[in-house]
Amino acid sequence: MAISLPKGAHGLYVPEQEMIVLPRDLTLKCIGSAIFPDVMIAPDDRPRNLRIFAMELKE
């Protein structure tokens, strides 16, 4: 997921939990998405459909 935030906005990425922490009451808007079929990303070597979202701060 790609997230565009305005200059000065704060967030925290927690790699151990693969999580992004953003400020409370923040509203995001989906501005695009794409699906990539049969992507090899799983540890069981089975292909998965990967869906990607582009998000921005909703004004």
C-alpha atoms as a PDB file:
ATOM      1  CA  MET A   1       0.000   0.000   0.000  1.00  0.00           C
ATOM      2  CA  ALA A   2       1.293   3.452  -0.858  1.00  0.00           C
ATOM      3  CA  ILE A   3       0.123   6.219   1.454  1.00  0.00           C
ATOM      4  CA  SER A   4       0.610   9.923   0.665  1.00  0.00           C
ATOM      5  CA  LEU A   5       0.416  12.233   3.674  1.00  0.00           C
ATOM      6  CA  PRO A   6       0.829  16.006   3.739  1.00  0.00           C
ATOM      7  CA  LYS A   7       4.144  17.519   4.736  1.00  0.00           C
ATOM      8  CA  GLY A   8       4.481  17.536   8.514  1.00  0.00           C
ATOM      9  CA  ALA A   9       2.156  14.553   9.095  1.00  0.00           C
ATOM     10  CA  HIS A  10       3.534  11.906  11.431  1.00  0.00           C
ATOM     11  CA  GLY A  11       3.376   8.128  11.370  1.00  0.00           C
ATOM     12  CA  LEU A  12       5.281   5.191  12.788  1.00  0.00           C
ATOM     13  CA  TYR A  13       6.254   1.965  11.002  1.00  0.00           C
ATOM     14  CA  VAL A  14       6.577  -1.098  13.263  1.00  0.00           C
ATOM     15  CA  PRO A  15       8.544  -3.655  11.184  1.00  0.00           C
ATOM     16  CA  GLU A  16       8.169  -6.504  13.698  1.00  0.00           C
ATOM     17  CA  GLN A  17       4.379  -6.394  13.227  1.00  0.00           C
ATOM     18  CA  GLU A  18       4.381  -5.086   9.629  1.00  0.00           C
ATOM     19  CA  MET A  19       2.141  -2.253  10.819  1.00  0.00           C
ATOM     20  CA  ILE A  20       1.892   1.489  10.211  1.00  0.00           C
ATOM     21  CA  VAL A  21       0.532   3.614  13.069  1.00  0.00           C
ATOM     22  CA  LEU A  22      -1.113   6.865  11.952  1.00  0.00           C
ATOM     23  CA  PRO A  23      -2.736   9.658  13.976  1.00  0.00           C
ATOM     24  CA  ARG A  24      -6.213   9.107  15.430  1.00  0.00           C
ATOM     25  CA  ASP A  25      -9.201  10.307  13.366  1.00  0.00           C
ATOM     26  CA  LEU A  26      -7.174  10.308  10.157  1.00  0.00           C
ATOM     27  CA  THR A  27      -9.326   9.572   7.096  1.00  0.00           C
ATOM     28  CA  LEU A  28      -7.726   8.039   4.020  1.00  0.00           C
ATOM     29  CA  LYS A  29      -9.141   7.959   0.502  1.00  0.00           C
ATOM     30  CA  CYS A  30      -8.331   5.205  -2.009  1.00  0.00           C
ATOM     31  CA  ILE A  31      -7.067   6.882  -5.185  1.00  0.00           C
ATOM     32  CA  GLY A  32      -6.190   3.726  -7.097  1.00  0.00           C
ATOM     33  CA  SER A  33      -5.735  -0.020  -6.980  1.00  0.00           C
ATOM     34  CA  ALA A  34      -4.233  -2.806  -9.060  1.00  0.00           C
ATOM     35  CA  ILE A  35      -4.395  -6.601  -9.002  1.00  0.00           C
ATOM     36  CA  PHE A  36      -1.396  -8.770  -9.854  1.00  0.00           C
ATOM     37  CA  PRO A  37      -2.419 -12.421 -10.357  1.00  0.00           C
ATOM     38  CA  ASP A  38      -0.249 -15.409  -9.475  1.00  0.00           C
ATOM     39  CA  VAL A  39       2.462 -13.625  -7.476  1.00  0.00           C
ATOM     40  CA  MET A  40       4.869 -15.920  -5.623  1.00  0.00           C
ATOM     41  CA  ILE A  41       4.977 -14.262  -2.168  1.00  0.00           C
ATOM     42  CA  ALA A  42       3.811 -16.968   0.214  1.00  0.00           C
ATOM     43  CA  PRO A  43       6.248 -19.258   2.050  1.00  0.00           C
ATOM     44  CA  ASP A  44       4.325 -22.332   0.837  1.00  0.00           C
ATOM     45  CA  ASP A  45       5.387 -21.619  -2.794  1.00  0.00           C
ATOM     46  CA  ARG A  46       1.761 -21.259  -3.909  1.00  0.00           C
ATOM     47  CA  PRO A  47       0.888 -18.255  -6.095  1.00  0.00           C
ATOM     48  CA  ARG A  48      -1.408 -15.620  -4.641  1.00  0.00           C
ATOM     49  CA  ASN A  49      -3.370 -12.757  -6.140  1.00  0.00           C
ATOM     50  CA  LEU A  50      -1.811  -9.537  -4.889  1.00  0.00           C
ATOM     51  CA  ARG A  51      -3.965  -6.410  -4.611  1.00  0.00           C
ATOM     52  CA  ILE A  52      -2.242  -3.040  -4.194  1.00  0.00           C
ATOM     53  CA  PHE A  53      -3.947   0.163  -3.011  1.00  0.00           C
ATOM     54  CA  ALA A  54      -2.790   3.783  -3.279  1.00  0.00           C
ATOM     55  CA  MET A  55      -4.133   5.958  -0.458  1.00  0.00           C
ATOM     56  CA  GLU A  56      -4.007   9.655   0.354  1.00  0.00           C
ATOM     57  CA  LEU A  57      -5.245  11.809   3.184  1.00  0.00           C
ATOM     58  CA  LYS A  58      -8.883  12.758   2.652  1.00  0.00           C
ATOM     59  CA  GLU A  59      -9.456  16.480   2.977  1.00  0.00           C
END
